[in-house]
Amino acid sequence: MGLTFITSGLRKMPGVKFTQLPVDNPVGLFFEGMYETGFYWNFIGYFQIVAGIILMTPWLKRLSPLLIFPVTLNIFLVSVSLNMKGTPLITAMMVLANLYLILWHLRSYTPLFKLKGS
């Protein structure tokens, strides 16, 4: 999953478009609009690269699922809302894999939610 994030992030570097679909296609229009934002498009790319590296870093294995969950959920929602053929299945598996990692490390998150003095 980390490599997927890095690859996708590299597609959002300055001057690189994610897709070559025309703007009369809803998917092409969406990604063209995102690309035209400039800084925000690049920020998403940089974040995905950092998240991908963190995912592959063993000593940050507990942080990475929490960091990338909002990203994977957003990717899934975009793929569903744009009715991308086949992509919702792949992105749903990404969300499920991410949830699995969160549940795997759930015990390590409990100290974050304990009240002082309990």
N, C-alpha and C. Protein backbone atom coordinates (compact mmCIF):
# COMPACT_ATOMS: atom_id res chain seq x y z
N MET A 1 0.83 -1.18 0.00
CA MET A 1 0.00 0.00 0.00
C MET A 1 0.88 1.25 0.00
N GLY A 2 2.02 1.18 0.68
CA GLY A 2 2.93 2.32 0.70
C GLY A 2 3.45 2.67 -0.68
N LEU A 3 3.80 1.65 -1.45
CA LEU A 3 4.30 1.89 -2.81
C LEU A 3 3.22 2.51 -3.69
N THR A 4 1.97 2.09 -3.49
CA THR A 4 0.86 2.66 -4.24
C THR A 4 0.72 4.15 -3.93
N PHE A 5 0.86 4.51 -2.66
CA PHE A 5 0.77 5.91 -2.27
C PHE A 5 1.90 6.73 -2.88
N ILE A 6 3.10 6.19 -2.87
CA ILE A 6 4.25 6.90 -3.43
C ILE A 6 4.06 7.10 -4.93
N THR A 7 3.67 6.06 -5.63
CA THR A 7 3.45 6.15 -7.08
C THR A 7 2.38 7.17 -7.41
N SER A 8 1.27 7.13 -6.69
CA SER A 8 0.19 8.08 -6.92
C SER A 8 0.63 9.50 -6.57
N GLY A 9 1.40 9.65 -5.52
CA GLY A 9 1.90 10.97 -5.13
C GLY A 9 2.81 11.57 -6.18
N LEU A 10 3.63 10.74 -6.80
CA LEU A 10 4.54 11.22 -7.84
C LEU A 10 3.76 11.74 -9.05
N ARG A 11 2.56 11.21 -9.26
CA ARG A 11 1.71 11.66 -10.37
C ARG A 11 1.10 13.03 -10.08
N LYS A 12 1.34 13.58 -8.92
CA LYS A 12 0.79 14.88 -8.56
C LYS A 12 1.88 15.94 -8.39
N MET A 13 3.06 15.64 -8.88
CA MET A 13 4.15 16.61 -8.82
C MET A 13 3.86 17.74 -9.80
N PRO A 14 4.51 18.88 -9.61
CA PRO A 14 4.27 20.02 -10.50
C PRO A 14 4.43 19.64 -11.98
N GLY A 15 3.42 19.98 -12.75
CA GLY A 15 3.47 19.73 -14.19
C GLY A 15 3.03 18.35 -14.62
N VAL A 16 2.66 17.48 -13.70
CA VAL A 16 2.26 16.11 -14.04
C VAL A 16 0.77 15.95 -13.78
N LYS A 17 0.03 15.51 -14.80
CA LYS A 17 -1.41 15.27 -14.65
C LYS A 17 -1.63 13.81 -14.28
N PHE A 18 -2.65 13.57 -13.47
CA PHE A 18 -2.95 12.22 -12.99
C PHE A 18 -3.56 11.37 -14.10
N THR A 19 -4.35 12.00 -14.96
CA THR A 19 -5.03 11.27 -16.02
C THR A 19 -5.05 12.10 -17.29
N GLN A 20 -5.20 11.45 -18.41
CA GLN A 20 -5.29 12.13 -19.69
C GLN A 20 -6.72 12.13 -20.22
N LEU A 21 -7.69 11.78 -19.37
CA LEU A 21 -9.09 11.78 -19.80
C LEU A 21 -9.54 13.20 -20.13
N PRO A 22 -10.39 13.35 -21.13
CA PRO A 22 -10.86 14.69 -21.49
C PRO A 22 -11.81 15.26 -20.43
N VAL A 23 -11.97 16.58 -20.42
CA VAL A 23 -12.81 17.22 -19.40
C VAL A 23 -14.29 17.00 -19.63
N ASP A 24 -14.69 16.44 -20.78
CA ASP A 24 -16.11 16.10 -20.95
C ASP A 24 -16.46 14.80 -20.24
N ASN A 25 -15.45 14.10 -19.73
CA ASN A 25 -15.64 12.92 -18.89
C ASN A 25 -15.63 13.40 -17.43
N PRO A 26 -16.60 12.98 -16.60
CA PRO A 26 -16.63 13.45 -15.21
C PRO A 26 -15.33 13.19 -14.43
N VAL A 27 -14.70 12.07 -14.68
CA VAL A 27 -13.43 11.75 -14.01
C VAL A 27 -12.35 12.71 -14.48
N GLY A 28 -12.27 12.93 -15.79
CA GLY A 28 -11.30 13.86 -16.34
C GLY A 28 -11.52 15.27 -15.84
N LEU A 29 -12.79 15.70 -15.76
CA LEU A 29 -13.12 17.04 -15.26
C LEU A 29 -12.71 17.19 -13.80
N PHE A 30 -12.99 16.18 -12.98
CA PHE A 30 -12.63 16.23 -11.56
C PHE A 30 -11.12 16.38 -11.40
N PHE A 31 -10.36 15.51 -12.06
CA PHE A 31 -8.91 15.57 -11.89
C PHE A 31 -8.29 16.80 -12.53
N GLU A 32 -8.90 17.32 -13.59
CA GLU A 32 -8.41 18.57 -14.18
C GLU A 32 -8.62 19.72 -13.20
N GLY A 33 -9.81 19.73 -12.56
CA GLY A 33 -10.09 20.76 -11.55
C GLY A 33 -9.11 20.69 -10.39
N MET A 34 -8.82 19.49 -9.93
CA MET A 34 -7.86 19.32 -8.84
C MET A 34 -6.47 19.76 -9.29
N TYR A 35 -6.10 19.40 -10.50
CA TYR A 35 -4.78 19.77 -11.04
C TYR A 35 -4.64 21.29 -11.13
N GLU A 36 -5.71 21.95 -11.54
CA GLU A 36 -5.68 23.41 -11.71
C GLU A 36 -5.56 24.16 -10.39
N THR A 37 -5.81 23.50 -9.27
CA THR A 37 -5.64 24.20 -7.98
C THR A 37 -4.17 24.49 -7.71
N GLY A 38 -3.28 23.77 -8.37
CA GLY A 38 -1.85 24.03 -8.21
C GLY A 38 -1.31 23.55 -6.89
N PHE A 39 -1.18 24.46 -5.93
CA PHE A 39 -0.56 24.14 -4.65
C PHE A 39 -1.27 22.98 -3.95
N TYR A 40 -2.60 22.99 -3.93
CA TYR A 40 -3.34 21.94 -3.23
C TYR A 40 -3.08 20.58 -3.89
N TRP A 41 -3.06 20.55 -5.21
CA TRP A 41 -2.77 19.31 -5.95
C TRP A 41 -1.39 18.77 -5.57
N ASN A 42 -0.41 19.67 -5.53
CA ASN A 42 0.95 19.26 -5.15
C ASN A 42 1.01 18.83 -3.69
N PHE A 43 0.28 19.52 -2.81
CA PHE A 43 0.25 19.15 -1.40
C PHE A 43 -0.26 17.72 -1.24
N ILE A 44 -1.32 17.38 -1.96
CA ILE A 44 -1.86 16.01 -1.89
C ILE A 44 -0.77 15.02 -2.32
N GLY A 45 -0.06 15.33 -3.38
CA GLY A 45 1.01 14.46 -3.86
C GLY A 45 2.12 14.29 -2.84
N TYR A 46 2.58 15.40 -2.27
CA TYR A 46 3.64 15.32 -1.26
C TYR A 46 3.16 14.52 -0.04
N PHE A 47 1.92 14.75 0.38
CA PHE A 47 1.37 14.02 1.52
C PHE A 47 1.33 12.52 1.23
N GLN A 48 0.92 12.16 0.02
CA GLN A 48 0.85 10.74 -0.33
C GLN A 48 2.25 10.11 -0.34
N ILE A 49 3.24 10.83 -0.80
CA ILE A 49 4.60 10.30 -0.80
C ILE A 49 5.09 10.09 0.64
N VAL A 50 4.88 11.08 1.49
CA VAL A 50 5.28 10.96 2.90
C VAL A 50 4.53 9.82 3.57
N ALA A 51 3.22 9.73 3.32
CA ALA A 51 2.42 8.65 3.92
C ALA A 51 2.90 7.29 3.43
N GLY A 52 3.25 7.19 2.16
CA GLY A 52 3.77 5.92 1.61
C GLY A 52 5.07 5.51 2.26
N ILE A 53 5.95 6.49 2.47
CA ILE A 53 7.23 6.19 3.14
C ILE A 53 6.98 5.78 4.58
N ILE A 54 6.08 6.48 5.26
CA ILE A 54 5.75 6.14 6.65
C ILE A 54 5.16 4.73 6.73
N LEU A 55 4.32 4.39 5.76
CA LEU A 55 3.73 3.05 5.73
C LEU A 55 4.79 1.96 5.65
N MET A 56 5.89 2.26 4.99
CA MET A 56 6.93 1.25 4.80
C MET A 56 8.03 1.35 5.86
N THR A 57 7.87 2.24 6.82
CA THR A 57 8.86 2.42 7.88
C THR A 57 8.40 1.64 9.11
N PRO A 58 9.10 0.58 9.49
CA PRO A 58 8.66 -0.28 10.59
C PRO A 58 8.44 0.46 11.91
N TRP A 59 9.28 1.43 12.26
CA TRP A 59 9.14 2.07 13.56
C TRP A 59 8.01 3.08 13.60
N LEU A 60 7.33 3.32 12.47
CA LEU A 60 6.15 4.19 12.46
C LEU A 60 4.89 3.40 12.10
N LYS A 61 4.96 2.08 12.24
CA LYS A 61 3.87 1.23 11.80
C LYS A 61 2.55 1.48 12.52
N ARG A 62 2.60 2.02 13.73
CA ARG A 62 1.37 2.29 14.47
C ARG A 62 0.75 3.63 14.07
N LEU A 63 1.56 4.56 13.64
CA LEU A 63 1.09 5.89 13.23
C LEU A 63 0.49 5.87 11.83
N SER A 64 1.09 5.12 10.94
CA SER A 64 0.71 5.18 9.53
C SER A 64 -0.76 4.87 9.23
N PRO A 65 -1.38 3.85 9.85
CA PRO A 65 -2.79 3.61 9.52
C PRO A 65 -3.70 4.78 9.91
N LEU A 66 -3.38 5.43 11.02
CA LEU A 66 -4.19 6.58 11.44
C LEU A 66 -3.98 7.76 10.50
N LEU A 67 -2.77 7.92 10.03
CA LEU A 67 -2.44 9.03 9.14
C LEU A 67 -3.10 8.88 7.78
N ILE A 68 -3.11 7.67 7.25
CA ILE A 68 -3.62 7.50 5.89
C ILE A 68 -5.09 7.12 5.80
N PHE A 69 -5.74 6.82 6.93
CA PHE A 69 -7.16 6.45 6.84
C PHE A 69 -8.01 7.52 6.18
N PRO A 70 -7.90 8.79 6.57
CA PRO A 70 -8.72 9.80 5.88
C PRO A 70 -8.43 9.87 4.38
N VAL A 71 -7.21 9.61 4.00
CA VAL A 71 -6.83 9.65 2.58
C VAL A 71 -7.48 8.48 1.84
N THR A 72 -7.35 7.27 2.39
CA THR A 72 -7.92 6.10 1.70
C THR A 72 -9.45 6.20 1.63
N LEU A 73 -10.06 6.71 2.69
CA LEU A 73 -11.51 6.87 2.68
C LEU A 73 -11.92 7.89 1.62
N ASN A 74 -11.19 8.99 1.52
CA ASN A 74 -11.49 10.00 0.52
C ASN A 74 -11.32 9.45 -0.90
N ILE A 75 -10.27 8.69 -1.14
CA ILE A 75 -10.05 8.09 -2.46
C ILE A 75 -11.21 7.16 -2.80
N PHE A 76 -11.66 6.38 -1.83
CA PHE A 76 -12.80 5.49 -2.04
C PHE A 76 -14.05 6.28 -2.39
N LEU A 77 -14.33 7.34 -1.62
CA LEU A 77 -15.54 8.15 -1.86
C LEU A 77 -15.50 8.83 -3.23
N VAL A 78 -14.34 9.30 -3.65
CA VAL A 78 -14.22 9.91 -4.97
C VAL A 78 -14.48 8.86 -6.05
N SER A 79 -13.91 7.67 -5.90
CA SER A 79 -14.10 6.64 -6.92
C SER A 79 -15.55 6.19 -7.01
N VAL A 80 -16.24 6.15 -5.87
CA VAL A 80 -17.67 5.78 -5.89
C VAL A 80 -18.50 6.91 -6.49
N SER A 81 -18.25 8.14 -6.05
CA SER A 81 -19.07 9.26 -6.52
C SER A 81 -18.89 9.54 -8.00
N LEU A 82 -17.71 9.25 -8.55
CA LEU A 82 -17.46 9.45 -9.97
C LEU A 82 -17.76 8.21 -10.79
N ASN A 83 -18.24 7.16 -10.12
CA ASN A 83 -18.61 5.91 -10.78
C ASN A 83 -17.48 5.37 -11.67
N MET A 84 -16.29 5.32 -11.09
CA MET A 84 -15.12 4.82 -11.82
C MET A 84 -15.22 3.30 -11.92
N LYS A 85 -15.14 2.79 -13.11
CA LYS A 85 -15.30 1.35 -13.33
C LYS A 85 -14.18 0.56 -12.67
N GLY A 86 -14.54 -0.36 -11.77
CA GLY A 86 -13.57 -1.23 -11.12
C GLY A 86 -12.82 -0.59 -9.97
N THR A 87 -12.65 0.71 -10.01
CA THR A 87 -11.86 1.40 -8.99
C THR A 87 -12.49 1.34 -7.60
N PRO A 88 -13.83 1.47 -7.46
CA PRO A 88 -14.39 1.36 -6.11
C PRO A 88 -14.05 0.05 -5.40
N LEU A 89 -13.96 -1.03 -6.14
CA LEU A 89 -13.60 -2.32 -5.54
C LEU A 89 -12.17 -2.27 -5.00
N ILE A 90 -11.26 -1.74 -5.80
CA ILE A 90 -9.86 -1.64 -5.38
C ILE A 90 -9.71 -0.70 -4.19
N THR A 91 -10.38 0.45 -4.27
CA THR A 91 -10.26 1.43 -3.18
C THR A 91 -10.97 0.95 -1.92
N ALA A 92 -12.04 0.18 -2.07
CA ALA A 92 -12.69 -0.41 -0.89
C ALA A 92 -11.74 -1.38 -0.20
N MET A 93 -10.97 -2.12 -0.98
CA MET A 93 -10.00 -3.04 -0.38
C MET A 93 -8.90 -2.26 0.34
N MET A 94 -8.54 -1.08 -0.19
CA MET A 94 -7.57 -0.23 0.50
C MET A 94 -8.11 0.24 1.85
N VAL A 95 -9.38 0.65 1.87
CA VAL A 95 -9.99 1.09 3.12
C VAL A 95 -10.06 -0.07 4.11
N LEU A 96 -10.45 -1.24 3.64
CA LEU A 96 -10.52 -2.41 4.53
C LEU A 96 -9.14 -2.80 5.05
N ALA A 97 -8.13 -2.73 4.20
CA ALA A 97 -6.76 -3.03 4.64
C ALA A 97 -6.32 -2.02 5.69
N ASN A 98 -6.66 -0.77 5.48
CA ASN A 98 -6.33 0.28 6.44
C ASN A 98 -7.04 0.05 7.77
N LEU A 99 -8.33 -0.29 7.71
CA LEU A 99 -9.07 -0.59 8.94
C LEU A 99 -8.48 -1.80 9.66
N TYR A 100 -8.06 -2.79 8.91
CA TYR A 100 -7.42 -3.97 9.49
C TYR A 100 -6.16 -3.56 10.27
N LEU A 101 -5.35 -2.68 9.67
CA LEU A 101 -4.14 -2.22 10.35
C LEU A 101 -4.47 -1.43 11.61
N ILE A 102 -5.51 -0.62 11.55
CA ILE A 102 -5.93 0.14 12.74
C ILE A 102 -6.37 -0.81 13.84
N LEU A 103 -7.18 -1.80 13.47
CA LEU A 103 -7.63 -2.78 14.47
C LEU A 103 -6.46 -3.61 15.00
N TRP A 104 -5.51 -3.91 14.16
CA TRP A 104 -4.33 -4.68 14.56
C TRP A 104 -3.57 -3.94 15.67
N HIS A 105 -3.49 -2.63 15.56
CA HIS A 105 -2.73 -1.82 16.52
C HIS A 105 -3.62 -1.13 17.55
N LEU A 106 -4.87 -1.53 17.65
CA LEU A 106 -5.83 -0.85 18.51
C LEU A 106 -5.36 -0.73 19.95
N ARG A 107 -4.76 -1.76 20.49
CA ARG A 107 -4.29 -1.71 21.88
C ARG A 107 -3.25 -0.62 22.10
N SER A 108 -2.46 -0.34 21.09
CA SER A 108 -1.43 0.70 21.26
C SER A 108 -2.03 2.10 21.23
N TYR A 109 -3.27 2.25 20.77
CA TYR A 109 -3.93 3.56 20.75
C TYR A 109 -4.66 3.86 22.04
N THR A 110 -5.00 2.85 22.82
CA THR A 110 -5.81 3.07 24.03
C THR A 110 -5.18 4.05 25.02
N PRO A 111 -3.86 4.09 25.21
CA PRO A 111 -3.31 5.10 26.14
C PRO A 111 -3.61 6.54 25.71
N LEU A 112 -3.85 6.75 24.44
CA LEU A 112 -4.17 8.09 23.96
C LEU A 112 -5.52 8.58 24.46
N PHE A 113 -6.40 7.63 24.80
CA PHE A 113 -7.75 7.97 25.19
C PHE A 113 -8.06 7.78 26.66
N LYS A 114 -7.07 7.36 27.46
CA LYS A 114 -7.27 7.19 28.89
C LYS A 114 -7.26 8.55 29.58
N LEU A 115 -8.19 8.71 30.49
CA LEU A 115 -8.22 9.94 31.28
C LEU A 115 -7.18 9.88 32.37
N LYS A 116 -6.59 10.99 32.65
CA LYS A 116 -5.58 11.05 33.70
C LYS A 116 -6.23 10.71 35.05
N GLY A 117 -5.59 9.87 35.80
CA GLY A 117 -6.11 9.47 37.11
C GLY A 117 -7.04 8.27 37.04
N SER A 118 -7.28 7.71 35.85
CA SER A 118 -8.15 6.53 35.75
C SER A 118 -7.36 5.26 35.91
